Amino acid sequence: MEERQVLHVLVDELPDDELTAAKRFLEHLRFRHKDSLRVLLDEAPLDDEPVTEEDLAAIREGLAEKARGEVVSHEEAERLLMGSK
């Protein structure tokens, strides 16, 4: 049996509650080669650089600032960065 025919049989045998997941996966495979950025991201090596104590301290400080309400909205950050009113 040809590969495409085997796939058709497999899809026909899937339980109904798995069809959406199968459709999404097949769409991903179908369009993956057309999106060069997606291909680059998929093939990029994982970031294996270790997290340093300095990184952890910065993360903790950011979380503490958030907990204290010391945050800026996305819109406010854009305004500050772009120098708009």
PDB file of N, CA and C in Angstrom:
ATOM      1  N   MET A   1       0.853  -1.182   0.000  1.00  0.00           N
ATOM      2  CA  MET A   1       0.000   0.000   0.000  1.00  0.00           C
ATOM      3  C   MET A   1       0.896   1.243   0.000  1.00  0.00           C
ATOM      4  N   GLU A   2       0.547   2.218  -0.813  1.00  0.00           N
ATOM      5  CA  GLU A   2       1.301   3.458  -0.931  1.00  0.00           C
ATOM      6  C   GLU A   2       1.174   4.272   0.371  1.00  0.00           C
ATOM      7  N   GLU A   3       2.239   5.039   0.675  1.00  0.00           N
ATOM      8  CA  GLU A   3       2.270   5.826   1.932  1.00  0.00           C
ATOM      9  C   GLU A   3       1.029   6.708   2.093  1.00  0.00           C
ATOM     10  N   ARG A   4       0.630   7.378   1.031  1.00  0.00           N
ATOM     11  CA  ARG A   4      -0.524   8.279   1.102  1.00  0.00           C
ATOM     12  C   ARG A   4      -1.797   7.497   1.442  1.00  0.00           C
ATOM     13  N   GLN A   5      -1.917   6.309   0.897  1.00  0.00           N
ATOM     14  CA  GLN A   5      -3.084   5.471   1.191  1.00  0.00           C
ATOM     15  C   GLN A   5      -3.068   5.029   2.646  1.00  0.00           C
ATOM     16  N   VAL A   6      -1.887   4.698   3.151  1.00  0.00           N
ATOM     17  CA  VAL A   6      -1.759   4.309   4.561  1.00  0.00           C
ATOM     18  C   VAL A   6      -2.203   5.458   5.454  1.00  0.00           C
ATOM     19  N   LEU A   7      -1.793   6.673   5.107  1.00  0.00           N
ATOM     20  CA  LEU A   7      -2.194   7.845   5.893  1.00  0.00           C
ATOM     21  C   LEU A   7      -3.713   8.029   5.872  1.00  0.00           C
ATOM     22  N   HIS A   8      -4.318   7.847   4.727  1.00  0.00           N
ATOM     23  CA  HIS A   8      -5.777   7.960   4.631  1.00  0.00           C
ATOM     24  C   HIS A   8      -6.460   6.937   5.549  1.00  0.00           C
ATOM     25  N   VAL A   9      -5.954   5.727   5.566  1.00  0.00           N
ATOM     26  CA  VAL A   9      -6.523   4.686   6.423  1.00  0.00           C
ATOM     27  C   VAL A   9      -6.371   5.068   7.889  1.00  0.00           C
ATOM     28  N   LEU A  10      -5.181   5.546   8.236  1.00  0.00           N
ATOM     29  CA  LEU A  10      -4.945   5.951   9.631  1.00  0.00           C
ATOM     30  C   LEU A  10      -5.894   7.072  10.047  1.00  0.00           C
ATOM     31  N   VAL A  11      -6.074   8.052   9.184  1.00  0.00           N
ATOM     32  CA  VAL A  11      -6.989   9.159   9.501  1.00  0.00           C
ATOM     33  C   VAL A  11      -8.414   8.632   9.644  1.00  0.00           C
ATOM     34  N   ASP A  12      -8.813   7.744   8.753  1.00  0.00           N
ATOM     35  CA  ASP A  12     -10.163   7.185   8.832  1.00  0.00           C
ATOM     36  C   ASP A  12     -10.394   6.411  10.128  1.00  0.00           C
ATOM     37  N   GLU A  13      -9.342   5.855  10.693  1.00  0.00           N
ATOM     38  CA  GLU A  13      -9.469   5.052  11.908  1.00  0.00           C
ATOM     39  C   GLU A  13      -9.325   5.870  13.196  1.00  0.00           C
ATOM     40  N   LEU A  14      -8.977   7.155  13.079  1.00  0.00           N
ATOM     41  CA  LEU A  14      -8.815   7.985  14.274  1.00  0.00           C
ATOM     42  C   LEU A  14     -10.147   8.187  14.980  1.00  0.00           C
ATOM     43  N   PRO A  15     -10.114   8.205  16.317  1.00  0.00           N
ATOM     44  CA  PRO A  15     -11.335   8.554  17.056  1.00  0.00           C
ATOM     45  C   PRO A  15     -11.692  10.020  16.768  1.00  0.00           C
ATOM     46  N   ASP A  16     -12.958  10.343  16.799  1.00  0.00           N
ATOM     47  CA  ASP A  16     -13.414  11.700  16.491  1.00  0.00           C
ATOM     48  C   ASP A  16     -12.738  12.766  17.347  1.00  0.00           C
ATOM     49  N   ASP A  17     -12.480  12.448  18.605  1.00  0.00           N
ATOM     50  CA  ASP A  17     -11.888  13.459  19.485  1.00  0.00           C
ATOM     51  C   ASP A  17     -10.408  13.717  19.193  1.00  0.00           C
ATOM     52  N   GLU A  18      -9.817  13.002  18.262  1.00  0.00           N
ATOM     53  CA  GLU A  18      -8.421  13.223  17.882  1.00  0.00           C
ATOM     54  C   GLU A  18      -8.300  13.916  16.526  1.00  0.00           C
ATOM     55  N   LEU A  19      -9.417  14.134  15.842  1.00  0.00           N
ATOM     56  CA  LEU A  19      -9.357  14.696  14.495  1.00  0.00           C
ATOM     57  C   LEU A  19      -8.802  16.113  14.455  1.00  0.00           C
ATOM     58  N   THR A  20      -9.177  16.947  15.406  1.00  0.00           N
ATOM     59  CA  THR A  20      -8.683  18.326  15.421  1.00  0.00           C
ATOM     60  C   THR A  20      -7.169  18.360  15.586  1.00  0.00           C
ATOM     61  N   ALA A  21      -6.657  17.549  16.495  1.00  0.00           N
ATOM     62  CA  ALA A  21      -5.202  17.507  16.706  1.00  0.00           C
ATOM     63  C   ALA A  21      -4.495  16.998  15.455  1.00  0.00           C
ATOM     64  N   ALA A  22      -5.047  15.975  14.819  1.00  0.00           N
ATOM     65  CA  ALA A  22      -4.447  15.431  13.602  1.00  0.00           C
ATOM     66  C   ALA A  22      -4.456  16.476  12.494  1.00  0.00           C
ATOM     67  N   LYS A  23      -5.562  17.197  12.376  1.00  0.00           N
ATOM     68  CA  LYS A  23      -5.663  18.242  11.343  1.00  0.00           C
ATOM     69  C   LYS A  23      -4.610  19.316  11.560  1.00  0.00           C
ATOM     70  N   ARG A  24      -4.462  19.763  12.795  1.00  0.00           N
ATOM     71  CA  ARG A  24      -3.459  20.800  13.100  1.00  0.00           C
ATOM     72  C   ARG A  24      -2.050  20.318  12.781  1.00  0.00           C
ATOM     73  N   PHE A  25      -1.758  19.077  13.124  1.00  0.00           N
ATOM     74  CA  PHE A  25      -0.427  18.551  12.872  1.00  0.00           C
ATOM     75  C   PHE A  25      -0.161  18.436  11.379  1.00  0.00           C
ATOM     76  N   LEU A  26      -1.135  17.944  10.636  1.00  0.00           N
ATOM     77  CA  LEU A  26      -0.958  17.827   9.187  1.00  0.00           C
ATOM     78  C   LEU A  26      -0.821  19.201   8.532  1.00  0.00           C
ATOM     79  N   GLU A  27      -1.578  20.190   9.003  1.00  0.00           N
ATOM     80  CA  GLU A  27      -1.429  21.552   8.481  1.00  0.00           C
ATOM     81  C   GLU A  27      -0.041  22.089   8.779  1.00  0.00           C
ATOM     82  N   HIS A  28       0.450  21.800   9.971  1.00  0.00           N
ATOM     83  CA  HIS A  28       1.812  22.219  10.334  1.00  0.00           C
ATOM     84  C   HIS A  28       2.825  21.622   9.357  1.00  0.00           C
ATOM     85  N   LEU A  29       2.697  20.337   9.084  1.00  0.00           N
ATOM     86  CA  LEU A  29       3.621  19.690   8.158  1.00  0.00           C
ATOM     87  C   LEU A  29       3.495  20.263   6.745  1.00  0.00           C
ATOM     88  N   ARG A  30       2.269  20.537   6.336  1.00  0.00           N
ATOM     89  CA  ARG A  30       2.027  21.033   4.976  1.00  0.00           C
ATOM     90  C   ARG A  30       2.627  22.416   4.760  1.00  0.00           C
ATOM     91  N   PHE A  31       2.508  23.294   5.742  1.00  0.00           N
ATOM     92  CA  PHE A  31       2.954  24.670   5.561  1.00  0.00           C
ATOM     93  C   PHE A  31       4.363  24.929   6.069  1.00  0.00           C
ATOM     94  N   ARG A  32       4.925  24.022   6.809  1.00  0.00           N
ATOM     95  CA  ARG A  32       6.232  24.223   7.421  1.00  0.00           C
ATOM     96  C   ARG A  32       7.294  24.594   6.410  1.00  0.00           C
ATOM     97  N   HIS A  33       7.343  23.919   5.288  1.00  0.00           N
ATOM     98  CA  HIS A  33       8.385  24.183   4.307  1.00  0.00           C
ATOM     99  C   HIS A  33       8.181  25.512   3.583  1.00  0.00           C
ATOM    100  N   LYS A  34       6.995  26.095   3.673  1.00  0.00           N
ATOM    101  CA  LYS A  34       6.719  27.351   2.992  1.00  0.00           C
ATOM    102  C   LYS A  34       7.097  28.558   3.846  1.00  0.00           C
ATOM    103  N   ASP A  35       7.295  28.363   5.115  1.00  0.00           N
ATOM    104  CA  ASP A  35       7.595  29.452   6.033  1.00  0.00           C
ATOM    105  C   ASP A  35       9.054  29.333   6.448  1.00  0.00           C
ATOM    106  N   SER A  36       9.913  30.086   5.765  1.00  0.00           N
ATOM    107  CA  SER A  36      11.353  29.945   6.010  1.00  0.00           C
ATOM    108  C   SER A  36      11.731  30.321   7.437  1.00  0.00           C
ATOM    109  N   LEU A  37      11.049  31.290   8.034  1.00  0.00           N
ATOM    110  CA  LEU A  37      11.339  31.638   9.427  1.00  0.00           C
ATOM    111  C   LEU A  37      10.999  30.475  10.336  1.00  0.00           C
ATOM    112  N   ARG A  38       9.858  29.838  10.103  1.00  0.00           N
ATOM    113  CA  ARG A  38       9.457  28.689  10.913  1.00  0.00           C
ATOM    114  C   ARG A  38      10.486  27.574  10.794  1.00  0.00           C
ATOM    115  N   VAL A  39      10.984  27.331   9.580  1.00  0.00           N
ATOM    116  CA  VAL A  39      11.988  26.300   9.371  1.00  0.00           C
ATOM    117  C   VAL A  39      13.255  26.644  10.142  1.00  0.00           C
ATOM    118  N   LEU A  40      13.692  27.906  10.054  1.00  0.00           N
ATOM    119  CA  LEU A  40      14.893  28.320  10.785  1.00  0.00           C
ATOM    120  C   LEU A  40      14.719  28.138  12.287  1.00  0.00           C
ATOM    121  N   LEU A  41      13.565  28.531  12.800  1.00  0.00           N
ATOM    122  CA  LEU A  41      13.320  28.398  14.237  1.00  0.00           C
ATOM    123  C   LEU A  41      13.258  26.937  14.656  1.00  0.00           C
ATOM    124  N   ASP A  42      12.607  26.116  13.847  1.00  0.00           N
ATOM    125  CA  ASP A  42      12.504  24.694  14.165  1.00  0.00           C
ATOM    126  C   ASP A  42      13.868  24.010  14.164  1.00  0.00           C
ATOM    127  N   GLU A  43      14.762  24.470  13.300  1.00  0.00           N
ATOM    128  CA  GLU A  43      16.065  23.822  13.160  1.00  0.00           C
ATOM    129  C   GLU A  43      17.151  24.459  14.024  1.00  0.00           C
ATOM    130  N   ALA A  44      16.834  25.571  14.662  1.00  0.00           N
ATOM    131  CA  ALA A  44      17.826  26.253  15.497  1.00  0.00           C
ATOM    132  C   ALA A  44      18.152  25.403  16.722  1.00  0.00           C
ATOM    133  N   PRO A  45      19.419  25.405  17.123  1.00  0.00           N
ATOM    134  CA  PRO A  45      19.771  24.636  18.317  1.00  0.00           C
ATOM    135  C   PRO A  45      19.136  25.255  19.559  1.00  0.00           C
ATOM    136  N   LEU A  46      18.875  24.423  20.533  1.00  0.00           N
ATOM    137  CA  LEU A  46      18.339  24.923  21.798  1.00  0.00           C
ATOM    138  C   LEU A  46      19.379  25.794  22.478  1.00  0.00           C
ATOM    139  N   ASP A  47      18.909  26.784  23.207  1.00  0.00           N
ATOM    140  CA  ASP A  47      19.814  27.638  23.967  1.00  0.00           C
ATOM    141  C   ASP A  47      20.274  26.841  25.174  1.00  0.00           C
ATOM    142  N   ASP A  48      21.517  26.413  25.133  1.00  0.00           N
ATOM    143  CA  ASP A  48      22.020  25.585  26.227  1.00  0.00           C
ATOM    144  C   ASP A  48      22.937  26.372  27.167  1.00  0.00           C
ATOM    145  N   GLU A  49      22.861  27.703  27.066  1.00  0.00           N
ATOM    146  CA  GLU A  49      23.659  28.539  27.947  1.00  0.00           C
ATOM    147  C   GLU A  49      23.082  28.464  29.359  1.00  0.00           C
ATOM    148  N   PRO A  50      23.910  28.190  30.343  1.00  0.00           N
ATOM    149  CA  PRO A  50      23.382  28.046  31.706  1.00  0.00           C
ATOM    150  C   PRO A  50      22.855  29.373  32.261  1.00  0.00           C
ATOM    151  N   VAL A  51      21.863  29.266  33.119  1.00  0.00           N
ATOM    152  CA  VAL A  51      21.320  30.438  33.804  1.00  0.00           C
ATOM    153  C   VAL A  51      22.245  30.735  34.975  1.00  0.00           C
ATOM    154  N   THR A  52      22.732  31.972  35.023  1.00  0.00           N
ATOM    155  CA  THR A  52      23.681  32.352  36.073  1.00  0.00           C
ATOM    156  C   THR A  52      22.931  32.870  37.301  1.00  0.00           C
ATOM    157  N   GLU A  53      23.657  33.001  38.396  1.00  0.00           N
ATOM    158  CA  GLU A  53      23.079  33.594  39.608  1.00  0.00           C
ATOM    159  C   GLU A  53      22.637  35.024  39.338  1.00  0.00           C
ATOM    160  N   GLU A  54      23.389  35.727  38.496  1.00  0.00           N
ATOM    161  CA  GLU A  54      23.027  37.093  38.123  1.00  0.00           C
ATOM    162  C   GLU A  54      21.694  37.103  37.367  1.00  0.00           C
ATOM    163  N   ASP A  55      21.520  36.147  36.466  1.00  0.00           N
ATOM    164  CA  ASP A  55      20.247  36.017  35.743  1.00  0.00           C
ATOM    165  C   ASP A  55      19.101  35.776  36.723  1.00  0.00           C
ATOM    166  N   LEU A  56      19.309  34.839  37.646  1.00  0.00           N
ATOM    167  CA  LEU A  56      18.273  34.521  38.632  1.00  0.00           C
ATOM    168  C   LEU A  56      17.928  35.728  39.494  1.00  0.00           C
ATOM    169  N   ALA A  57      18.938  36.502  39.881  1.00  0.00           N
ATOM    170  CA  ALA A  57      18.702  37.695  40.689  1.00  0.00           C
ATOM    171  C   ALA A  57      17.866  38.711  39.905  1.00  0.00           C
ATOM    172  N   ALA A  58      18.161  38.878  38.619  1.00  0.00           N
ATOM    173  CA  ALA A  58      17.400  39.813  37.785  1.00  0.00           C
ATOM    174  C   ALA A  58      15.956  39.337  37.620  1.00  0.00           C
ATOM    175  N   ILE A  59      15.766  38.040  37.458  1.00  0.00           N
ATOM    176  CA  ILE A  59      14.413  37.483  37.342  1.00  0.00           C
ATOM    177  C   ILE A  59      13.636  37.713  38.625  1.00  0.00           C
ATOM    178  N   ARG A  60      14.280  37.432  39.767  1.00  0.00           N
ATOM    179  CA  ARG A  60      13.621  37.644  41.061  1.00  0.00           C
ATOM    180  C   ARG A  60      13.237  39.100  41.252  1.00  0.00           C
ATOM    181  N   GLU A  61      14.132  40.009  40.889  1.00  0.00           N
ATOM    182  CA  GLU A  61      13.851  41.434  41.031  1.00  0.00           C
ATOM    183  C   GLU A  61      12.684  41.850  40.145  1.00  0.00           C
ATOM    184  N   GLY A  62      12.647  41.352  38.927  1.00  0.00           N
ATOM    185  CA  GLY A  62      11.539  41.661  38.032  1.00  0.00           C
ATOM    186  C   GLY A  62      10.212  41.165  38.577  1.00  0.00           C
ATOM    187  N   LEU A  63      10.207  39.959  39.125  1.00  0.00           N
ATOM    188  CA  LEU A  63       8.986  39.413  39.725  1.00  0.00           C
ATOM    189  C   LEU A  63       8.561  40.218  40.955  1.00  0.00           C
ATOM    190  N   ALA A  64       9.540  40.660  41.724  1.00  0.00           N
ATOM    191  CA  ALA A  64       9.232  41.480  42.907  1.00  0.00           C
ATOM    192  C   ALA A  64       8.645  42.826  42.477  1.00  0.00           C
ATOM    193  N   GLU A  65       9.215  43.431  41.437  1.00  0.00           N
ATOM    194  CA  GLU A  65       8.676  44.692  40.921  1.00  0.00           C
ATOM    195  C   GLU A  65       7.237  44.506  40.444  1.00  0.00           C
ATOM    196  N   LYS A  66       6.976  43.413  39.769  1.00  0.00           N
ATOM    197  CA  LYS A  66       5.627  43.128  39.296  1.00  0.00           C
ATOM    198  C   LYS A  66       4.677  42.982  40.483  1.00  0.00           C
ATOM    199  N   ALA A  67       5.112  42.257  41.518  1.00  0.00           N
ATOM    200  CA  ALA A  67       4.277  42.045  42.702  1.00  0.00           C
ATOM    201  C   ALA A  67       3.969  43.364  43.401  1.00  0.00           C
ATOM    202  N   ARG A  68       4.905  44.313  43.337  1.00  0.00           N
ATOM    203  CA  ARG A  68       4.685  45.626  43.957  1.00  0.00           C
ATOM    204  C   ARG A  68       3.882  46.557  43.051  1.00  0.00           C
ATOM    205  N   GLY A  69       3.547  46.096  41.877  1.00  0.00           N
ATOM    206  CA  GLY A  69       2.772  46.923  40.954  1.00  0.00           C
ATOM    207  C   GLY A  69       3.608  47.913  40.178  1.00  0.00           C
ATOM    208  N   GLU A  70       4.906  47.726  40.192  1.00  0.00           N
ATOM    209  CA  GLU A  70       5.812  48.633  39.481  1.00  0.00           C
ATOM    210  C   GLU A  70       5.957  48.171  38.031  1.00  0.00           C
ATOM    211  N   VAL A  71       4.865  48.251  37.301  1.00  0.00           N
ATOM    212  CA  VAL A  71       4.854  47.782  35.920  1.00  0.00           C
ATOM    213  C   VAL A  71       4.412  48.910  34.993  1.00  0.00           C
ATOM    214  N   VAL A  72       4.728  48.741  33.730  1.00  0.00           N
ATOM    215  CA  VAL A  72       4.334  49.691  32.706  1.00  0.00           C
ATOM    216  C   VAL A  72       3.587  48.899  31.646  1.00  0.00           C
ATOM    217  N   SER A  73       2.447  49.415  31.208  1.00  0.00           N
ATOM    218  CA  SER A  73       1.679  48.723  30.172  1.00  0.00           C
ATOM    219  C   SER A  73       2.448  48.732  28.856  1.00  0.00           C
ATOM    220  N   HIS A  74       2.041  47.858  27.963  1.00  0.00           N
ATOM    221  CA  HIS A  74       2.663  47.798  26.641  1.00  0.00           C
ATOM    222  C   HIS A  74       2.542  49.143  25.933  1.00  0.00           C
ATOM    223  N   GLU A  75       1.356  49.726  26.014  1.00  0.00           N
ATOM    224  CA  GLU A  75       1.103  51.011  25.358  1.00  0.00           C
ATOM    225  C   GLU A  75       1.992  52.104  25.938  1.00  0.00           C
ATOM    226  N   GLU A  76       2.134  52.123  27.264  1.00  0.00           N
ATOM    227  CA  GLU A  76       2.984  53.120  27.929  1.00  0.00           C
ATOM    228  C   GLU A  76       4.443  52.924  27.538  1.00  0.00           C
ATOM    229  N   ALA A  77       4.880  51.667  27.467  1.00  0.00           N
ATOM    230  CA  ALA A  77       6.263  51.392  27.069  1.00  0.00           C
ATOM    231  C   ALA A  77       6.516  51.871  25.652  1.00  0.00           C
ATOM    232  N   GLU A  78       5.570  51.620  24.754  1.00  0.00           N
ATOM    233  CA  GLU A  78       5.710  52.119  23.365  1.00  0.00           C
ATOM    234  C   GLU A  78       5.810  53.635  23.347  1.00  0.00           C
ATOM    235  N   ARG A  79       4.941  54.277  24.114  1.00  0.00           N
ATOM    236  CA  ARG A  79       4.939  55.733  24.157  1.00  0.00           C
ATOM    237  C   ARG A  79       6.269  56.266  24.680  1.00  0.00           C
ATOM    238  N   LEU A  80       6.784  55.648  25.737  1.00  0.00           N
ATOM    239  CA  LEU A  80       8.068  56.083  26.292  1.00  0.00           C
ATOM    240  C   LEU A  80       9.215  55.841  25.320  1.00  0.00           C
ATOM    241  N   LEU A  81       9.202  54.704  24.657  1.00  0.00           N
ATOM    242  CA  LEU A  81      10.275  54.378  23.728  1.00  0.00           C
ATOM    243  C   LEU A  81      10.231  55.216  22.460  1.00  0.00           C
ATOM    244  N   MET A  82       9.030  55.545  22.008  1.00  0.00           N
ATOM    245  CA  MET A  82       8.884  56.291  20.763  1.00  0.00           C
ATOM    246  C   MET A  82       8.933  57.798  20.987  1.00  0.00           C
ATOM    247  N   GLY A  83       8.929  58.209  22.258  1.00  0.00           N
ATOM    248  CA  GLY A  83       8.997  59.634  22.557  1.00  0.00           C
ATOM    249  C   GLY A  83       7.707  60.386  22.248  1.00  0.00           C
ATOM    250  N   SER A  84       6.600  59.646  22.172  1.00  0.00           N
ATOM    251  CA  SER A  84       5.305  60.291  21.899  1.00  0.00           C
ATOM    252  C   SER A  84       4.704  60.822  23.179  1.00  0.00           C
ATOM    253  N   LYS A  85       3.631  61.560  23.002  1.00  0.00           N
ATOM    254  CA  LYS A  85       2.918  62.088  24.174  1.00  0.00           C
ATOM    255  C   LYS A  85       2.080  61.038  24.816  1.00  0.00           C
TER     256      LYS A  85
END
